[in-house]
Amino acid sequence: PGLDNFRHTYAGYHGYIAAVVCVWGIAANLANIIVLTRKNMISSTNLILTWLAVADLLTMTSYFPVSIHFYIMKHPDLDFPTSESQHWIHFMLFHINFTVVAHTVAIWLTITLAIWRYLYICYPTRGQDLCSMKRAKIAIFVVYVLSAIICLPNYMVNATKLNERVVNETTNSSFQYYEFCQSSISTAYPVVDNFNYWIQAILIKLIPCALLTILTILLVMAMHEANKRRMKLKSQGKRDESARARENNRTTAMLLAIVGLFLLTELPQGILTLCNSFIENFHVDVYSPLGDVLDITALLNNSINFVLYCT
């Protein structure tokens, strides 16, 4: 009951907070794309960062109208996500599928980024070849395509239907509205619903969280070793090489912050998803009431990279 009360209370503020975060995130990610695509900024790492910004921008652009229509301008007698307009409920259905794909892209590009940087640090002489521009383009293409394919079951499980609600039993006045329901495929083949759940849980939550944790630890260890090498170069009087190593360490620290931020926002969701599998009614009692909070943490994550770059 406490979580349910919290959900209803926070829902009144969520639309305004999400709209502000989305406006900031759209502007910030556009700035990221403009800067990272300048001639003097072209590199394989920055190419991955650019397409990460594109994925974040797509998420923000899709979420902004949802925050306005379904939260700020919501009909007082309707729940989220329902609508009097068939067009808006269809847009909401598109938004759910679209943002899952965009968020999956962002997660796996962050993992790619961490792998890229780890290879650069561990193999300084071969880093340029191992993390070439051509390989970066292939990695980005594979992440975008596979993310869309992985989410195919998600497109199949939801549909919309027309419903009616009585608002005054004395006068028998009512209005019609549209809401989500299980699709005919999901109803006829429950295995599709189960398959979609496990795809979401394993490939979009649990495995990425595990990989991000491992890569964060490896990057911290690699940075420690790189610092020791830099101090050794400095003591030998090789100041130019030491300065280059210091610049590399600063870049690695920034990328580590990006990876760490993703882990901070994704790990709680991964743990909650795991609890859904083993605790009865956990999804209804705990996960669902926290849905808006999980959304706003993901949106903040999508909008804050600009601040990290500037810092």
Protein backbone atom coordinates (compact mmCIF):
# COMPACT_ATOMS: atom_id res chain seq x y z
CA PRO A 1 0.00 0.00 0.00
CA GLY A 2 2.84 2.41 0.77
CA LEU A 3 4.39 1.94 -2.67
CA ASP A 4 1.00 2.28 -4.34
CA ASN A 5 0.37 5.58 -2.53
CA PHE A 6 3.85 6.74 -3.52
CA ARG A 7 3.14 5.89 -7.18
CA HIS A 8 -0.05 7.97 -7.24
CA THR A 9 1.61 10.90 -5.43
CA TYR A 10 4.74 10.92 -7.58
CA ALA A 11 2.71 10.52 -10.82
CA GLY A 12 1.39 14.06 -10.26
CA TYR A 13 4.95 15.43 -10.50
CA HIS A 14 6.53 12.93 -12.88
CA GLY A 15 5.24 14.53 -16.10
CA TYR A 16 6.71 17.95 -15.23
CA ILE A 17 10.06 16.50 -14.10
CA ALA A 18 10.29 14.23 -17.16
CA ALA A 19 9.40 17.10 -19.55
CA VAL A 20 12.17 19.31 -18.11
CA VAL A 21 14.72 16.47 -18.24
CA CYS A 22 13.70 15.67 -21.84
CA VAL A 23 14.06 19.29 -23.02
CA TRP A 24 17.51 19.48 -21.42
CA GLY A 25 18.44 16.01 -22.75
CA ILE A 26 17.38 16.80 -26.33
CA ALA A 27 19.45 20.03 -26.33
CA ALA A 28 22.43 18.36 -24.64
CA ASN A 29 22.51 15.36 -26.97
CA LEU A 30 22.19 17.59 -30.04
CA ALA A 31 25.21 19.53 -28.72
CA ASN A 32 27.07 16.23 -28.23
CA ILE A 33 26.38 15.17 -31.82
CA ILE A 34 27.38 18.57 -33.26
CA VAL A 35 30.68 18.65 -31.34
CA LEU A 36 31.64 14.99 -31.73
CA THR A 37 31.15 15.07 -35.53
CA ARG A 38 33.51 18.01 -36.11
CA LYS A 39 36.56 17.16 -38.24
CA ASN A 40 39.12 17.50 -35.44
CA MET A 41 36.99 15.27 -33.16
CA ILE A 42 36.67 12.28 -35.48
CA SER A 43 37.86 9.05 -33.83
CA SER A 44 36.49 5.54 -33.32
CA THR A 45 35.68 6.27 -29.65
CA ASN A 46 33.91 9.53 -30.51
CA LEU A 47 31.97 7.74 -33.25
CA ILE A 48 30.56 5.35 -30.64
CA LEU A 49 29.80 8.31 -28.35
CA THR A 50 28.00 10.05 -31.24
CA TRP A 51 25.69 7.10 -31.89
CA LEU A 52 25.15 6.72 -28.15
CA ALA A 53 23.98 10.35 -28.17
CA VAL A 54 21.68 9.54 -31.12
CA ALA A 55 20.09 6.66 -29.14
CA ASP A 56 19.64 8.91 -26.08
CA LEU A 57 18.20 11.69 -28.27
CA LEU A 58 15.65 9.28 -29.79
CA THR A 59 14.55 8.15 -26.31
CA MET A 60 14.11 11.75 -25.11
CA THR A 61 12.27 12.85 -28.26
CA SER A 62 9.80 9.97 -27.91
CA TYR A 63 9.28 10.43 -24.14
CA PHE A 64 8.62 14.20 -24.24
CA PRO A 65 5.11 14.05 -25.84
CA VAL A 66 4.25 11.11 -23.54
CA SER A 67 5.13 13.20 -20.46
CA ILE A 68 2.92 16.04 -21.74
CA HIS A 69 -0.17 14.10 -22.88
CA PHE A 70 -0.28 11.13 -20.50
CA TYR A 71 0.87 12.93 -17.34
CA ILE A 72 0.52 16.73 -17.45
CA MET A 73 -2.67 16.81 -19.59
CA LYS A 74 -4.06 13.48 -18.33
CA HIS A 75 -7.84 13.13 -17.98
CA PRO A 76 -8.57 12.98 -14.20
CA ASP A 77 -10.77 9.88 -14.61
CA LEU A 78 -8.24 7.94 -16.68
CA ASP A 79 -5.31 5.86 -15.51
CA PHE A 80 -1.90 5.72 -17.13
CA PRO A 81 -1.48 4.67 -19.92
CA THR A 82 -5.03 5.10 -21.26
CA SER A 83 -6.38 7.76 -23.60
CA GLU A 84 -9.61 9.05 -25.12
CA SER A 85 -7.77 9.28 -28.45
CA GLN A 86 -7.03 6.19 -30.51
CA HIS A 87 -4.12 8.01 -32.17
CA TRP A 88 -2.48 8.78 -28.82
CA ILE A 89 -2.80 5.21 -27.51
CA HIS A 90 -1.26 3.96 -30.77
CA PHE A 91 1.55 6.48 -30.32
CA MET A 92 2.02 5.19 -26.77
CA LEU A 93 2.28 1.64 -28.11
CA PHE A 94 4.88 2.81 -30.62
CA HIS A 95 6.72 4.71 -27.85
CA ILE A 96 6.95 1.62 -25.60
CA ASN A 97 8.49 -0.50 -28.37
CA PHE A 98 10.66 2.29 -29.76
CA THR A 99 12.20 3.33 -26.43
CA VAL A 100 12.96 -0.29 -25.49
CA VAL A 101 15.00 -0.57 -28.71
CA ALA A 102 16.71 2.82 -28.22
CA HIS A 103 17.54 2.02 -24.58
CA THR A 104 18.89 -1.41 -25.55
CA VAL A 105 21.09 0.27 -28.16
CA ALA A 106 22.39 2.73 -25.55
CA ILE A 107 23.21 -0.06 -23.07
CA TRP A 108 25.13 -2.18 -25.58
CA LEU A 109 26.95 0.84 -27.04
CA THR A 110 28.08 1.71 -23.51
CA ILE A 111 29.40 -1.85 -23.15
CA THR A 112 31.14 -1.49 -26.55
CA LEU A 113 32.66 1.79 -25.35
CA ALA A 114 34.02 0.15 -22.19
CA ILE A 115 35.53 -2.73 -24.21
CA TRP A 116 37.05 -0.21 -26.66
CA ARG A 117 38.72 1.77 -23.89
CA TYR A 118 39.97 -1.34 -22.11
CA LEU A 119 41.67 -2.51 -25.31
CA TYR A 120 43.22 0.93 -25.80
CA ILE A 121 44.72 0.90 -22.30
CA CYS A 122 45.88 -2.72 -22.24
CA TYR A 123 47.32 -2.72 -25.77
CA PRO A 124 48.65 0.83 -26.30
CA THR A 125 50.71 -0.14 -29.36
CA ARG A 126 47.94 -2.15 -31.06
CA GLY A 127 45.01 -0.08 -29.81
CA GLN A 128 44.61 1.89 -33.06
CA ASP A 129 44.31 -1.34 -35.08
CA LEU A 130 42.13 -3.24 -32.60
CA CYS A 131 39.76 -0.26 -32.24
CA SER A 132 39.86 1.09 -35.80
CA MET A 133 37.19 3.30 -37.34
CA LYS A 134 36.04 0.44 -39.57
CA ARG A 135 35.52 -1.88 -36.56
CA ALA A 136 33.69 0.88 -34.69
CA LYS A 137 31.26 1.30 -37.61
CA ILE A 138 30.67 -2.46 -37.74
CA ALA A 139 30.11 -2.62 -33.95
CA ILE A 140 27.60 0.28 -34.07
CA PHE A 141 25.73 -1.26 -37.01
CA VAL A 142 25.55 -4.68 -35.31
CA VAL A 143 24.31 -3.14 -32.02
CA TYR A 144 21.54 -1.16 -33.75
CA VAL A 145 20.37 -4.07 -35.92
CA LEU A 146 20.54 -6.75 -33.21
CA SER A 147 18.75 -4.50 -30.69
CA ALA A 148 15.82 -4.13 -33.10
CA ILE A 149 15.78 -7.92 -33.68
CA ILE A 150 16.10 -8.81 -29.97
CA CYS A 151 13.03 -6.68 -29.21
CA LEU A 152 10.84 -8.37 -31.86
CA PRO A 153 8.84 -10.39 -29.26
CA ASN A 154 8.10 -7.12 -27.43
CA TYR A 155 6.28 -5.80 -30.49
CA MET A 156 3.97 -8.83 -30.47
CA VAL A 157 2.69 -8.95 -26.89
CA ASN A 158 0.73 -5.67 -26.63
CA ALA A 159 -2.38 -4.43 -28.44
CA THR A 160 -5.06 -1.79 -27.82
CA LYS A 161 -8.80 -2.06 -27.19
CA LEU A 162 -11.78 0.23 -26.71
CA ASN A 163 -13.31 0.34 -23.23
CA GLU A 164 -16.03 2.31 -21.47
CA ARG A 165 -16.20 3.88 -18.02
CA VAL A 166 -19.32 5.04 -16.17
CA VAL A 167 -18.65 8.40 -14.47
CA ASN A 168 -22.11 8.99 -13.01
CA GLU A 169 -24.31 6.02 -12.13
CA THR A 170 -27.35 8.23 -11.45
CA THR A 171 -27.43 9.72 -14.93
CA ASN A 172 -25.68 6.68 -16.41
CA SER A 173 -23.24 9.00 -18.18
CA SER A 174 -20.08 7.40 -19.48
CA PHE A 175 -17.17 7.95 -21.86
CA GLN A 176 -15.10 5.68 -24.05
CA TYR A 177 -11.35 5.35 -23.86
CA TYR A 178 -8.57 3.18 -25.25
CA GLU A 179 -6.26 1.01 -23.19
CA PHE A 180 -3.67 -1.72 -23.61
CA CYS A 181 -4.45 -5.42 -23.64
CA GLN A 182 -2.70 -8.65 -24.55
CA SER A 183 -2.35 -9.15 -28.28
CA SER A 184 -4.07 -12.07 -30.01
CA ILE A 185 -0.62 -13.66 -30.54
CA SER A 186 0.19 -13.37 -26.83
CA THR A 187 -3.21 -14.81 -25.86
CA ALA A 188 -3.00 -17.71 -28.33
CA TYR A 189 0.67 -18.45 -27.64
CA PRO A 190 1.60 -17.65 -24.00
CA VAL A 191 5.13 -18.88 -24.77
CA VAL A 192 5.68 -15.61 -26.73
CA ASP A 193 4.96 -13.60 -23.57
CA ASN A 194 7.35 -15.76 -21.50
CA PHE A 195 10.01 -15.62 -24.21
CA ASN A 196 9.72 -11.82 -24.35
CA TYR A 197 10.06 -11.58 -20.55
CA TRP A 198 13.25 -13.65 -20.48
CA ILE A 199 14.73 -11.79 -23.46
CA GLN A 200 14.10 -8.50 -21.63
CA ALA A 201 15.41 -9.85 -18.32
CA ILE A 202 18.56 -11.58 -19.62
CA LEU A 203 19.72 -9.63 -22.70
CA ILE A 204 18.57 -6.13 -21.71
CA LYS A 205 19.01 -6.18 -17.91
CA LEU A 206 21.03 -8.99 -16.31
CA ILE A 207 23.83 -9.69 -18.83
CA PRO A 208 24.50 -5.95 -19.48
CA CYS A 209 24.63 -5.29 -15.72
CA ALA A 210 27.06 -8.17 -15.20
CA LEU A 211 29.25 -7.03 -18.12
CA LEU A 212 29.23 -3.39 -16.98
CA THR A 213 30.26 -4.45 -13.46
CA ILE A 214 33.15 -6.58 -14.77
CA LEU A 215 34.28 -3.90 -17.27
CA THR A 216 34.15 -1.17 -14.61
CA ILE A 217 36.45 -3.21 -12.35
CA LEU A 218 38.79 -4.00 -15.27
CA LEU A 219 38.93 -0.33 -16.33
CA VAL A 220 39.76 0.81 -12.78
CA MET A 221 42.56 -1.78 -12.60
CA ALA A 222 43.83 -0.81 -16.07
CA MET A 223 43.82 2.88 -15.10
CA HIS A 224 45.84 2.07 -12.00
CA GLU A 225 48.46 0.28 -14.12
CA ALA A 226 48.46 3.14 -16.66
CA ASN A 227 49.09 5.65 -13.84
CA LYS A 228 52.07 3.61 -12.67
CA ARG A 229 53.46 3.62 -16.23
CA ARG A 230 52.93 7.39 -16.48
CA MET A 231 54.79 8.04 -13.22
CA LYS A 232 57.64 5.84 -14.45
CA LEU A 233 57.85 7.81 -17.71
CA LYS A 234 57.82 11.07 -15.76
CA SER A 235 60.65 9.91 -13.48
CA GLN A 236 62.67 9.02 -16.59
CA GLY A 237 62.29 12.58 -17.90
CA LYS A 238 59.96 11.58 -20.78
CA ARG A 239 57.57 14.48 -20.19
CA ASP A 240 55.88 14.46 -23.62
CA GLU A 241 55.01 10.77 -23.34
CA SER A 242 53.87 11.31 -19.75
CA ALA A 243 51.60 14.19 -20.85
CA ARG A 244 50.04 12.02 -23.58
CA ALA A 245 49.48 9.23 -21.05
CA ARG A 246 47.87 11.74 -18.67
CA GLU A 247 45.49 12.92 -21.43
CA ASN A 248 44.56 9.29 -22.17
CA ASN A 249 43.86 8.72 -18.48
CA ARG A 250 41.55 11.76 -18.40
CA THR A 251 39.61 10.40 -21.37
CA THR A 252 39.42 6.97 -19.73
CA ALA A 253 38.20 8.54 -16.47
CA MET A 254 35.40 10.32 -18.38
CA LEU A 255 34.36 7.11 -20.15
CA LEU A 256 34.55 5.24 -16.84
CA ALA A 257 32.14 7.82 -15.38
CA ILE A 258 29.72 7.16 -18.29
CA VAL A 259 29.92 3.40 -17.74
CA GLY A 260 29.58 3.82 -13.96
CA LEU A 261 26.52 6.04 -14.40
CA PHE A 262 24.87 3.44 -16.64
CA LEU A 263 25.64 0.75 -14.08
CA LEU A 264 24.19 2.90 -11.29
CA THR A 265 20.87 3.28 -13.12
CA GLU A 266 20.66 -0.18 -14.70
CA LEU A 267 21.78 -2.40 -11.80
CA PRO A 268 18.73 -1.66 -9.56
CA GLN A 269 16.46 -2.48 -12.51
CA GLY A 270 18.42 -5.69 -13.11
CA ILE A 271 17.99 -6.73 -9.46
CA LEU A 272 14.26 -5.89 -9.54
CA THR A 273 13.87 -7.87 -12.78
CA LEU A 274 15.56 -10.86 -11.14
CA CYS A 275 13.19 -10.57 -8.16
CA ASN A 276 10.23 -10.68 -10.59
CA SER A 277 11.33 -14.19 -11.56
CA PHE A 278 11.53 -15.63 -8.05
CA ILE A 279 9.09 -13.67 -5.85
CA GLU A 280 5.38 -14.14 -6.37
CA ASN A 281 3.41 -10.95 -7.23
CA PHE A 282 6.65 -8.91 -7.02
CA HIS A 283 5.98 -7.25 -10.38
CA VAL A 284 2.51 -6.00 -9.35
CA ASP A 285 3.40 -5.14 -5.74
CA VAL A 286 6.86 -3.58 -6.17
CA TYR A 287 8.18 -3.28 -9.76
CA SER A 288 5.10 -1.67 -11.32
CA PRO A 289 4.64 1.06 -8.61
CA LEU A 290 8.30 2.02 -9.12
CA GLY A 291 7.90 2.28 -12.92
CA ASP A 292 7.94 6.10 -13.10
CA VAL A 293 10.99 6.33 -10.81
CA LEU A 294 12.86 3.82 -12.99
CA ASP A 295 11.87 5.88 -16.05
CA ILE A 296 13.17 9.15 -14.61
CA THR A 297 16.51 7.59 -13.57
CA ALA A 298 16.94 6.25 -17.13
CA LEU A 299 16.07 9.69 -18.58
CA LEU A 300 18.57 11.39 -16.26
CA ASN A 301 21.20 8.91 -17.39
CA ASN A 302 20.40 9.73 -21.04
CA SER A 303 20.73 13.47 -20.45
CA ILE A 304 23.79 13.77 -18.21
CA ASN A 305 26.62 12.67 -20.55
CA PHE A 306 27.00 16.27 -21.79
CA VAL A 307 27.82 17.36 -18.22
CA LEU A 308 30.39 14.56 -17.92
CA TYR A 309 32.10 15.59 -21.19
CA CYS A 310 32.31 19.24 -20.09
CA THR A 311 33.62 18.30 -16.65
